[in-house]
Amino acid sequence: ERALHEQQGFGLGLARATRLTKFNR
């Protein structure tokens, strides 16, 4: 919903957190 809401960043935050969490079992 980028057209509806101003958003900062590239959309990597949750993906990065998920990958770090999986990497740490």
mmCIF file of all heavy atoms, coordinates in Angstrom:
data_MODEL
# 
_entry.id   MODEL 
# 
loop_
_atom_site.group_PDB 
_atom_site.id 
_atom_site.type_symbol 
_atom_site.label_atom_id 
_atom_site.label_alt_id 
_atom_site.label_comp_id 
_atom_site.label_asym_id 
_atom_site.label_entity_id 
_atom_site.label_seq_id 
_atom_site.pdbx_PDB_ins_code 
_atom_site.Cartn_x 
_atom_site.Cartn_y 
_atom_site.Cartn_z 
_atom_site.occupancy 
_atom_site.B_iso_or_equiv 
_atom_site.pdbx_formal_charge 
_atom_site.auth_seq_id 
_atom_site.auth_comp_id 
_atom_site.auth_asym_id 
_atom_site.auth_atom_id 
_atom_site.pdbx_PDB_model_num 
ATOM 1   N N   . GLU A 1 1  ? 0.817  -1.210  0.000  1.00 0.00 ? 1  GLU A N   1 
ATOM 2   C CA  . GLU A 1 1  ? 0.000  0.000   0.000  1.00 0.00 ? 1  GLU A CA  1 
ATOM 3   C C   . GLU A 1 1  ? 0.853  1.264   0.000  1.00 0.00 ? 1  GLU A C   1 
ATOM 4   O O   . GLU A 1 1  ? 0.521  2.264   0.613  1.00 0.00 ? 1  GLU A O   1 
ATOM 5   C CB  . GLU A 1 1  ? -0.965 -0.010  1.191  1.00 0.00 ? 1  GLU A CB  1 
ATOM 6   C CG  . GLU A 1 1  ? -1.895 -1.192  1.166  1.00 0.00 ? 1  GLU A CG  1 
ATOM 7   C CD  . GLU A 1 1  ? -2.770 -1.277  2.392  1.00 0.00 ? 1  GLU A CD  1 
ATOM 8   O OE1 . GLU A 1 1  ? -2.517 -0.565  3.380  1.00 0.00 ? 1  GLU A OE1 1 
ATOM 9   O OE2 . GLU A 1 1  ? -3.716 -2.072  2.358  1.00 0.00 ? 1  GLU A OE2 1 
ATOM 10  N N   . ARG A 1 2  ? 1.972  1.232   -0.725 1.00 0.00 ? 2  ARG A N   1 
ATOM 11  C CA  . ARG A 1 2  ? 2.870  2.399   -0.778 1.00 0.00 ? 2  ARG A CA  1 
ATOM 12  C C   . ARG A 1 2  ? 2.147  3.619   -1.342 1.00 0.00 ? 2  ARG A C   1 
ATOM 13  O O   . ARG A 1 2  ? 2.423  4.746   -0.940 1.00 0.00 ? 2  ARG A O   1 
ATOM 14  C CB  . ARG A 1 2  ? 4.113  2.080   -1.589 1.00 0.00 ? 2  ARG A CB  1 
ATOM 15  C CG  . ARG A 1 2  ? 5.103  3.221   -1.521 1.00 0.00 ? 2  ARG A CG  1 
ATOM 16  C CD  . ARG A 1 2  ? 6.513  2.763   -1.777 1.00 0.00 ? 2  ARG A CD  1 
ATOM 17  N NE  . ARG A 1 2  ? 7.409  3.893   -1.615 1.00 0.00 ? 2  ARG A NE  1 
ATOM 18  C CZ  . ARG A 1 2  ? 8.393  3.940   -0.767 1.00 0.00 ? 2  ARG A CZ  1 
ATOM 19  N NH1 . ARG A 1 2  ? 8.637  2.920   0.004  1.00 0.00 ? 2  ARG A NH1 1 
ATOM 20  N NH2 . ARG A 1 2  ? 9.161  4.989   -0.672 1.00 0.00 ? 2  ARG A NH2 1 
ATOM 21  N N   . ALA A 1 3  ? 1.229  3.437   -2.257 1.00 0.00 ? 3  ALA A N   1 
ATOM 22  C CA  . ALA A 1 3  ? 0.493  4.565   -2.827 1.00 0.00 ? 3  ALA A CA  1 
ATOM 23  C C   . ALA A 1 3  ? -0.429 5.217   -1.807 1.00 0.00 ? 3  ALA A C   1 
ATOM 24  O O   . ALA A 1 3  ? -0.725 6.399   -1.891 1.00 0.00 ? 3  ALA A O   1 
ATOM 25  C CB  . ALA A 1 3  ? -0.313 4.106   -4.034 1.00 0.00 ? 3  ALA A CB  1 
ATOM 26  N N   . LEU A 1 4  ? -0.855 4.446   -0.804 1.00 0.00 ? 4  LEU A N   1 
ATOM 27  C CA  . LEU A 1 4  ? -1.763 4.973   0.213  1.00 0.00 ? 4  LEU A CA  1 
ATOM 28  C C   . LEU A 1 4  ? -1.052 5.545   1.429  1.00 0.00 ? 4  LEU A C   1 
ATOM 29  O O   . LEU A 1 4  ? -1.584 6.399   2.122  1.00 0.00 ? 4  LEU A O   1 
ATOM 30  C CB  . LEU A 1 4  ? -2.713 3.858   0.694  1.00 0.00 ? 4  LEU A CB  1 
ATOM 31  C CG  . LEU A 1 4  ? -3.631 3.256   -0.352 1.00 0.00 ? 4  LEU A CG  1 
ATOM 32  C CD1 . LEU A 1 4  ? -4.399 2.091   0.237  1.00 0.00 ? 4  LEU A CD1 1 
ATOM 33  C CD2 . LEU A 1 4  ? -4.574 4.314   -0.903 1.00 0.00 ? 4  LEU A CD2 1 
ATOM 34  N N   . HIS A 1 5  ? 0.136  5.027   1.736  1.00 0.00 ? 5  HIS A N   1 
ATOM 35  C CA  . HIS A 1 5  ? 0.847  5.394   2.963  1.00 0.00 ? 5  HIS A CA  1 
ATOM 36  C C   . HIS A 1 5  ? 2.291  5.736   2.633  1.00 0.00 ? 5  HIS A C   1 
ATOM 37  O O   . HIS A 1 5  ? 2.967  4.978   1.943  1.00 0.00 ? 5  HIS A O   1 
ATOM 38  C CB  . HIS A 1 5  ? 0.845  4.233   3.963  1.00 0.00 ? 5  HIS A CB  1 
ATOM 39  C CG  . HIS A 1 5  ? -0.508 3.709   4.275  1.00 0.00 ? 5  HIS A CG  1 
ATOM 40  N ND1 . HIS A 1 5  ? -1.376 4.336   5.120  1.00 0.00 ? 5  HIS A ND1 1 
ATOM 41  C CD2 . HIS A 1 5  ? -1.162 2.602   3.828  1.00 0.00 ? 5  HIS A CD2 1 
ATOM 42  C CE1 . HIS A 1 5  ? -2.503 3.643   5.197  1.00 0.00 ? 5  HIS A CE1 1 
ATOM 43  N NE2 . HIS A 1 5  ? -2.397 2.585   4.417  1.00 0.00 ? 5  HIS A NE2 1 
ATOM 44  N N   . GLU A 1 6  ? 2.768  6.851   3.179  1.00 0.00 ? 6  GLU A N   1 
ATOM 45  C CA  . GLU A 1 6  ? 4.187  7.200   3.036  1.00 0.00 ? 6  GLU A CA  1 
ATOM 46  C C   . GLU A 1 6  ? 5.001  6.171   3.800  1.00 0.00 ? 6  GLU A C   1 
ATOM 47  O O   . GLU A 1 6  ? 4.716  5.855   4.947  1.00 0.00 ? 6  GLU A O   1 
ATOM 48  C CB  . GLU A 1 6  ? 4.461  8.596   3.605  1.00 0.00 ? 6  GLU A CB  1 
ATOM 49  C CG  . GLU A 1 6  ? 5.919  8.957   3.673  1.00 0.00 ? 6  GLU A CG  1 
ATOM 50  C CD  . GLU A 1 6  ? 6.661  8.871   2.332  1.00 0.00 ? 6  GLU A CD  1 
ATOM 51  O OE1 . GLU A 1 6  ? 6.044  9.113   1.284  1.00 0.00 ? 6  GLU A OE1 1 
ATOM 52  O OE2 . GLU A 1 6  ? 7.860  8.559   2.356  1.00 0.00 ? 6  GLU A OE2 1 
ATOM 53  N N   . GLN A 1 7  ? 6.027  5.621   3.158  1.00 0.00 ? 7  GLN A N   1 
ATOM 54  C CA  . GLN A 1 7  ? 6.872  4.625   3.797  1.00 0.00 ? 7  GLN A CA  1 
ATOM 55  C C   . GLN A 1 7  ? 8.328  4.948   3.535  1.00 0.00 ? 7  GLN A C   1 
ATOM 56  O O   . GLN A 1 7  ? 8.691  5.311   2.428  1.00 0.00 ? 7  GLN A O   1 
ATOM 57  C CB  . GLN A 1 7  ? 6.568  3.218   3.263  1.00 0.00 ? 7  GLN A CB  1 
ATOM 58  C CG  . GLN A 1 7  ? 5.178  2.746   3.598  1.00 0.00 ? 7  GLN A CG  1 
ATOM 59  C CD  . GLN A 1 7  ? 4.913  1.367   3.031  1.00 0.00 ? 7  GLN A CD  1 
ATOM 60  O OE1 . GLN A 1 7  ? 5.799  0.556   2.880  1.00 0.00 ? 7  GLN A OE1 1 
ATOM 61  N NE2 . GLN A 1 7  ? 3.655  1.105   2.719  1.00 0.00 ? 7  GLN A NE2 1 
ATOM 62  N N   . GLN A 1 8  ? 9.128  4.801   4.554  1.00 0.00 ? 8  GLN A N   1 
ATOM 63  C CA  . GLN A 1 8  ? 10.562 4.977   4.433  1.00 0.00 ? 8  GLN A CA  1 
ATOM 64  C C   . GLN A 1 8  ? 11.208 3.616   4.218  1.00 0.00 ? 8  GLN A C   1 
ATOM 65  O O   . GLN A 1 8  ? 10.672 2.601   4.614  1.00 0.00 ? 8  GLN A O   1 
ATOM 66  C CB  . GLN A 1 8  ? 11.123 5.619   5.707  1.00 0.00 ? 8  GLN A CB  1 
ATOM 67  C CG  . GLN A 1 8  ? 10.503 6.953   6.046  1.00 0.00 ? 8  GLN A CG  1 
ATOM 68  C CD  . GLN A 1 8  ? 10.759 8.000   4.996  1.00 0.00 ? 8  GLN A CD  1 
ATOM 69  O OE1 . GLN A 1 8  ? 11.874 8.140   4.516  1.00 0.00 ? 8  GLN A OE1 1 
ATOM 70  N NE2 . GLN A 1 8  ? 9.719  8.713   4.611  1.00 0.00 ? 8  GLN A NE2 1 
ATOM 71  N N   . GLY A 1 9  ? 12.380 3.590   3.626  1.00 0.00 ? 9  GLY A N   1 
ATOM 72  C CA  . GLY A 1 9  ? 13.136 2.359   3.503  1.00 0.00 ? 9  GLY A CA  1 
ATOM 73  C C   . GLY A 1 9  ? 12.834 1.613   2.218  1.00 0.00 ? 9  GLY A C   1 
ATOM 74  O O   . GLY A 1 9  ? 12.124 2.090   1.334  1.00 0.00 ? 9  GLY A O   1 
ATOM 75  N N   . PHE A 1 10 ? 13.392 0.406   2.152  1.00 0.00 ? 10 PHE A N   1 
ATOM 76  C CA  . PHE A 1 10 ? 13.319 -0.396  0.939  1.00 0.00 ? 10 PHE A CA  1 
ATOM 77  C C   . PHE A 1 10 ? 12.466 -1.651  1.096  1.00 0.00 ? 10 PHE A C   1 
ATOM 78  O O   . PHE A 1 10 ? 12.422 -2.480  0.201  1.00 0.00 ? 10 PHE A O   1 
ATOM 79  C CB  . PHE A 1 10 ? 14.737 -0.824  0.517  1.00 0.00 ? 10 PHE A CB  1 
ATOM 80  C CG  . PHE A 1 10 ? 15.603 0.343   0.158  1.00 0.00 ? 10 PHE A CG  1 
ATOM 81  C CD1 . PHE A 1 10 ? 16.564 0.789   1.039  1.00 0.00 ? 10 PHE A CD1 1 
ATOM 82  C CD2 . PHE A 1 10 ? 15.443 0.990   -1.052 1.00 0.00 ? 10 PHE A CD2 1 
ATOM 83  C CE1 . PHE A 1 10 ? 17.361 1.879   0.711  1.00 0.00 ? 10 PHE A CE1 1 
ATOM 84  C CE2 . PHE A 1 10 ? 16.237 2.068   -1.385 1.00 0.00 ? 10 PHE A CE2 1 
ATOM 85  C CZ  . PHE A 1 10 ? 17.205 2.521   -0.504 1.00 0.00 ? 10 PHE A CZ  1 
ATOM 86  N N   . GLY A 1 11 ? 11.829 -1.847  2.238  1.00 0.00 ? 11 GLY A N   1 
ATOM 87  C CA  . GLY A 1 11 ? 11.027 -3.045  2.428  1.00 0.00 ? 11 GLY A CA  1 
ATOM 88  C C   . GLY A 1 11 ? 11.845 -4.265  2.824  1.00 0.00 ? 11 GLY A C   1 
ATOM 89  O O   . GLY A 1 11 ? 11.412 -5.384  2.630  1.00 0.00 ? 11 GLY A O   1 
ATOM 90  N N   . LEU A 1 12 ? 13.017 -4.040  3.379  1.00 0.00 ? 12 LEU A N   1 
ATOM 91  C CA  . LEU A 1 12 ? 13.887 -5.150  3.777  1.00 0.00 ? 12 LEU A CA  1 
ATOM 92  C C   . LEU A 1 12 ? 13.786 -5.497  5.256  1.00 0.00 ? 12 LEU A C   1 
ATOM 93  O O   . LEU A 1 12 ? 14.260 -6.541  5.667  1.00 0.00 ? 12 LEU A O   1 
ATOM 94  C CB  . LEU A 1 12 ? 15.355 -4.806  3.469  1.00 0.00 ? 12 LEU A CB  1 
ATOM 95  C CG  . LEU A 1 12 ? 15.773 -4.876  2.023  1.00 0.00 ? 12 LEU A CG  1 
ATOM 96  C CD1 . LEU A 1 12 ? 17.152 -4.278  1.846  1.00 0.00 ? 12 LEU A CD1 1 
ATOM 97  C CD2 . LEU A 1 12 ? 15.757 -6.308  1.541  1.00 0.00 ? 12 LEU A CD2 1 
ATOM 98  N N   . GLY A 1 13 ? 13.208 -4.641  6.079  1.00 0.00 ? 13 GLY A N   1 
ATOM 99  C CA  . GLY A 1 13 ? 13.245 -4.810  7.524  1.00 0.00 ? 13 GLY A CA  1 
ATOM 100 C C   . GLY A 1 13 ? 12.725 -6.138  8.029  1.00 0.00 ? 13 GLY A C   1 
ATOM 101 O O   . GLY A 1 13 ? 13.434 -6.870  8.716  1.00 0.00 ? 13 GLY A O   1 
ATOM 102 N N   . LEU A 1 14 ? 11.494 -6.475  7.701  1.00 0.00 ? 14 LEU A N   1 
ATOM 103 C CA  . LEU A 1 14 ? 10.915 -7.720  8.199  1.00 0.00 ? 14 LEU A CA  1 
ATOM 104 C C   . LEU A 1 14 ? 11.591 -8.931  7.568  1.00 0.00 ? 14 LEU A C   1 
ATOM 105 O O   . LEU A 1 14 ? 11.817 -9.941  8.237  1.00 0.00 ? 14 LEU A O   1 
ATOM 106 C CB  . LEU A 1 14 ? 9.406  -7.742  7.965  1.00 0.00 ? 14 LEU A CB  1 
ATOM 107 C CG  . LEU A 1 14 ? 8.639  -8.859  8.643  1.00 0.00 ? 14 LEU A CG  1 
ATOM 108 C CD1 . LEU A 1 14 ? 8.927  -8.921  10.140 1.00 0.00 ? 14 LEU A CD1 1 
ATOM 109 C CD2 . LEU A 1 14 ? 7.153  -8.694  8.401  1.00 0.00 ? 14 LEU A CD2 1 
ATOM 110 N N   . ALA A 1 15 ? 11.972 -8.821  6.297  1.00 0.00 ? 15 ALA A N   1 
ATOM 111 C CA  . ALA A 1 15 ? 12.688 -9.923  5.646  1.00 0.00 ? 15 ALA A CA  1 
ATOM 112 C C   . ALA A 1 15 ? 14.044 -10.146 6.319  1.00 0.00 ? 15 ALA A C   1 
ATOM 113 O O   . ALA A 1 15 ? 14.451 -11.283 6.560  1.00 0.00 ? 15 ALA A O   1 
ATOM 114 C CB  . ALA A 1 15 ? 12.882 -9.629  4.157  1.00 0.00 ? 15 ALA A CB  1 
ATOM 115 N N   . ARG A 1 16 ? 14.742 -9.066  6.652  1.00 0.00 ? 16 ARG A N   1 
ATOM 116 C CA  . ARG A 1 16 ? 16.039 -9.175  7.322  1.00 0.00 ? 16 ARG A CA  1 
ATOM 117 C C   . ARG A 1 16 ? 15.867 -9.770  8.720  1.00 0.00 ? 16 ARG A C   1 
ATOM 118 O O   . ARG A 1 16 ? 16.627 -10.655 9.118  1.00 0.00 ? 16 ARG A O   1 
ATOM 119 C CB  . ARG A 1 16 ? 16.709 -7.801  7.387  1.00 0.00 ? 16 ARG A CB  1 
ATOM 120 C CG  . ARG A 1 16 ? 18.087 -7.828  7.960  1.00 0.00 ? 16 ARG A CG  1 
ATOM 121 C CD  . ARG A 1 16 ? 18.825 -6.501  7.875  1.00 0.00 ? 16 ARG A CD  1 
ATOM 122 N NE  . ARG A 1 16 ? 17.971 -5.344  8.019  1.00 0.00 ? 16 ARG A NE  1 
ATOM 123 C CZ  . ARG A 1 16 ? 17.998 -4.293  7.199  1.00 0.00 ? 16 ARG A CZ  1 
ATOM 124 N NH1 . ARG A 1 16 ? 18.827 -4.247  6.190  1.00 0.00 ? 16 ARG A NH1 1 
ATOM 125 N NH2 . ARG A 1 16 ? 17.195 -3.270  7.404  1.00 0.00 ? 16 ARG A NH2 1 
ATOM 126 N N   . ALA A 1 17 ? 14.863 -9.307  9.457  1.00 0.00 ? 17 ALA A N   1 
ATOM 127 C CA  . ALA A 1 17 ? 14.609 -9.850  10.800 1.00 0.00 ? 17 ALA A CA  1 
ATOM 128 C C   . ALA A 1 17 ? 14.257 -11.335 10.730 1.00 0.00 ? 17 ALA A C   1 
ATOM 129 O O   . ALA A 1 17 ? 14.722 -12.126 11.549 1.00 0.00 ? 17 ALA A O   1 
ATOM 130 C CB  . ALA A 1 17 ? 13.483 -9.070  11.482 1.00 0.00 ? 17 ALA A CB  1 
ATOM 131 N N   . THR A 1 18 ? 13.463 -11.717 9.738  1.00 0.00 ? 18 THR A N   1 
ATOM 132 C CA  . THR A 1 18 ? 13.086 -13.124 9.572  1.00 0.00 ? 18 THR A CA  1 
ATOM 133 C C   . THR A 1 18 ? 14.306 -13.971 9.265  1.00 0.00 ? 18 THR A C   1 
ATOM 134 O O   . THR A 1 18 ? 14.503 -15.042 9.846  1.00 0.00 ? 18 THR A O   1 
ATOM 135 C CB  . THR A 1 18 ? 12.026 -13.263 8.468  1.00 0.00 ? 18 THR A CB  1 
ATOM 136 O OG1 . THR A 1 18 ? 10.871 -12.508 8.851  1.00 0.00 ? 18 THR A OG1 1 
ATOM 137 C CG2 . THR A 1 18 ? 11.635 -14.712 8.258  1.00 0.00 ? 18 THR A CG2 1 
ATOM 138 N N   . ARG A 1 19 ? 15.151 -13.502 8.350  1.00 0.00 ? 19 ARG A N   1 
ATOM 139 C CA  . ARG A 1 19 ? 16.349 -14.261 7.972  1.00 0.00 ? 19 ARG A CA  1 
ATOM 140 C C   . ARG A 1 19 ? 17.308 -14.375 9.160  1.00 0.00 ? 19 ARG A C   1 
ATOM 141 O O   . ARG A 1 19 ? 17.848 -15.448 9.417  1.00 0.00 ? 19 ARG A O   1 
ATOM 142 C CB  . ARG A 1 19 ? 17.032 -13.608 6.771  1.00 0.00 ? 19 ARG A CB  1 
ATOM 143 C CG  . ARG A 1 19 ? 18.319 -14.285 6.356  1.00 0.00 ? 19 ARG A CG  1 
ATOM 144 C CD  . ARG A 1 19 ? 18.191 -15.758 6.084  1.00 0.00 ? 19 ARG A CD  1 
ATOM 145 N NE  . ARG A 1 19 ? 17.569 -15.996 4.817  1.00 0.00 ? 19 ARG A NE  1 
ATOM 146 C CZ  . ARG A 1 19 ? 17.092 -17.160 4.449  1.00 0.00 ? 19 ARG A CZ  1 
ATOM 147 N NH1 . ARG A 1 19 ? 17.166 -18.202 5.250  1.00 0.00 ? 19 ARG A NH1 1 
ATOM 148 N NH2 . ARG A 1 19 ? 16.524 -17.319 3.289  1.00 0.00 ? 19 ARG A NH2 1 
ATOM 149 N N   . LEU A 1 20 ? 17.525 -13.287 9.907  1.00 0.00 ? 20 LEU A N   1 
ATOM 150 C CA  . LEU A 1 20 ? 18.401 -13.339 11.089 1.00 0.00 ? 20 LEU A CA  1 
ATOM 151 C C   . LEU A 1 20 ? 17.854 -14.303 12.130 1.00 0.00 ? 20 LEU A C   1 
ATOM 152 O O   . LEU A 1 20 ? 18.600 -15.056 12.758 1.00 0.00 ? 20 LEU A O   1 
ATOM 153 C CB  . LEU A 1 20 ? 18.551 -11.948 11.720 1.00 0.00 ? 20 LEU A CB  1 
ATOM 154 C CG  . LEU A 1 20 ? 19.650 -11.066 11.193 1.00 0.00 ? 20 LEU A CG  1 
ATOM 155 C CD1 . LEU A 1 20 ? 19.503 -9.645  11.746 1.00 0.00 ? 20 LEU A CD1 1 
ATOM 156 C CD2 . LEU A 1 20 ? 21.016 -11.618 11.530 1.00 0.00 ? 20 LEU A CD2 1 
ATOM 157 N N   . THR A 1 21 ? 16.541 -14.291 12.312 1.00 0.00 ? 21 THR A N   1 
ATOM 158 C CA  . THR A 1 21 ? 15.917 -15.191 13.282 1.00 0.00 ? 21 THR A CA  1 
ATOM 159 C C   . THR A 1 21 ? 16.101 -16.641 12.851 1.00 0.00 ? 21 THR A C   1 
ATOM 160 O O   . THR A 1 21 ? 16.503 -17.492 13.656 1.00 0.00 ? 21 THR A O   1 
ATOM 161 C CB  . THR A 1 21 ? 14.425 -14.852 13.443 1.00 0.00 ? 21 THR A CB  1 
ATOM 162 O OG1 . THR A 1 21 ? 14.311 -13.492 13.890 1.00 0.00 ? 21 THR A OG1 1 
ATOM 163 C CG2 . THR A 1 21 ? 13.762 -15.766 14.454 1.00 0.00 ? 21 THR A CG2 1 
ATOM 164 N N   . LYS A 1 22 ? 15.839 -16.946 11.598 1.00 0.00 ? 22 LYS A N   1 
ATOM 165 C CA  . LYS A 1 22 ? 16.016 -18.314 11.088 1.00 0.00 ? 22 LYS A CA  1 
ATOM 166 C C   . LYS A 1 22 ? 17.474 -18.740 11.183 1.00 0.00 ? 22 LYS A C   1 
ATOM 167 O O   . LYS A 1 22 ? 17.766 -19.883 11.513 1.00 0.00 ? 22 LYS A O   1 
ATOM 168 C CB  . LYS A 1 22 ? 15.532 -18.417 9.645  1.00 0.00 ? 22 LYS A CB  1 
ATOM 169 C CG  . LYS A 1 22 ? 14.040 -18.413 9.510  1.00 0.00 ? 22 LYS A CG  1 
ATOM 170 C CD  . LYS A 1 22 ? 13.620 -18.540 8.055  1.00 0.00 ? 22 LYS A CD  1 
ATOM 171 C CE  . LYS A 1 22 ? 12.110 -18.518 7.935  1.00 0.00 ? 22 LYS A CE  1 
ATOM 172 N NZ  . LYS A 1 22 ? 11.672 -18.595 6.537  1.00 0.00 ? 22 LYS A NZ  1 
ATOM 173 N N   . PHE A 1 23 ? 18.376 -17.827 10.868 1.00 0.00 ? 23 PHE A N   1 
ATOM 174 C CA  . PHE A 1 23 ? 19.803 -18.122 10.926 1.00 0.00 ? 23 PHE A CA  1 
ATOM 175 C C   . PHE A 1 23 ? 20.217 -18.523 12.339 1.00 0.00 ? 23 PHE A C   1 
ATOM 176 O O   . PHE A 1 23 ? 21.132 -19.306 12.524 1.00 0.00 ? 23 PHE A O   1 
ATOM 177 C CB  . PHE A 1 23 ? 20.587 -16.885 10.466 1.00 0.00 ? 23 PHE A CB  1 
ATOM 178 C CG  . PHE A 1 23 ? 22.004 -17.158 10.076 1.00 0.00 ? 23 PHE A CG  1 
ATOM 179 C CD1 . PHE A 1 23 ? 22.293 -17.778 8.870  1.00 0.00 ? 23 PHE A CD1 1 
ATOM 180 C CD2 . PHE A 1 23 ? 23.045 -16.793 10.899 1.00 0.00 ? 23 PHE A CD2 1 
ATOM 181 C CE1 . PHE A 1 23 ? 23.610 -18.024 8.492  1.00 0.00 ? 23 PHE A CE1 1 
ATOM 182 C CE2 . PHE A 1 23 ? 24.357 -17.030 10.532 1.00 0.00 ? 23 PHE A CE2 1 
ATOM 183 C CZ  . PHE A 1 23 ? 24.638 -17.653 9.330  1.00 0.00 ? 23 PHE A CZ  1 
ATOM 184 N N   . ASN A 1 24 ? 19.518 -17.993 13.340 1.00 0.00 ? 24 ASN A N   1 
ATOM 185 C CA  . ASN A 1 24 ? 19.797 -18.291 14.750 1.00 0.00 ? 24 ASN A CA  1 
ATOM 186 C C   . ASN A 1 24 ? 18.817 -19.313 15.315 1.00 0.00 ? 24 ASN A C   1 
ATOM 187 O O   . ASN A 1 24 ? 18.486 -19.292 16.492 1.00 0.00 ? 24 ASN A O   1 
ATOM 188 C CB  . ASN A 1 24 ? 19.789 -16.996 15.560 1.00 0.00 ? 24 ASN A CB  1 
ATOM 189 C CG  . ASN A 1 24 ? 21.020 -16.167 15.307 1.00 0.00 ? 24 ASN A CG  1 
ATOM 190 O OD1 . ASN A 1 24 ? 22.086 -16.490 15.803 1.00 0.00 ? 24 ASN A OD1 1 
ATOM 191 N ND2 . ASN A 1 24 ? 20.892 -15.113 14.516 1.00 0.00 ? 24 ASN A ND2 1 
ATOM 192 N N   . ARG A 1 25 ? 18.346 -20.212 14.464 1.00 0.00 ? 25 ARG A N   1 
ATOM 193 C CA  . ARG A 1 25 ? 17.472 -21.325 14.842 1.00 0.00 ? 25 ARG A CA  1 
ATOM 194 C C   . ARG A 1 25 ? 16.161 -20.872 15.466 1.00 0.00 ? 25 ARG A C   1 
ATOM 195 O O   . ARG A 1 25 ? 15.686 -21.444 16.444 1.00 0.00 ? 25 ARG A O   1 
ATOM 196 C CB  . ARG A 1 25 ? 18.209 -22.291 15.763 1.00 0.00 ? 25 ARG A CB  1 
ATOM 197 C CG  . ARG A 1 25 ? 19.349 -23.004 15.089 1.00 0.00 ? 25 ARG A CG  1 
ATOM 198 C CD  . ARG A 1 25 ? 20.044 -23.929 16.042 1.00 0.00 ? 25 ARG A CD  1 
ATOM 199 N NE  . ARG A 1 25 ? 20.594 -23.189 17.166 1.00 0.00 ? 25 ARG A NE  1 
ATOM 200 C CZ  . ARG A 1 25 ? 21.884 -23.032 17.395 1.00 0.00 ? 25 ARG A CZ  1 
ATOM 201 N NH1 . ARG A 1 25 ? 22.752 -23.592 16.621 1.00 0.00 ? 25 ARG A NH1 1 
ATOM 202 N NH2 . ARG A 1 25 ? 22.306 -22.335 18.428 1.00 0.00 ? 25 ARG A NH2 1 
# 
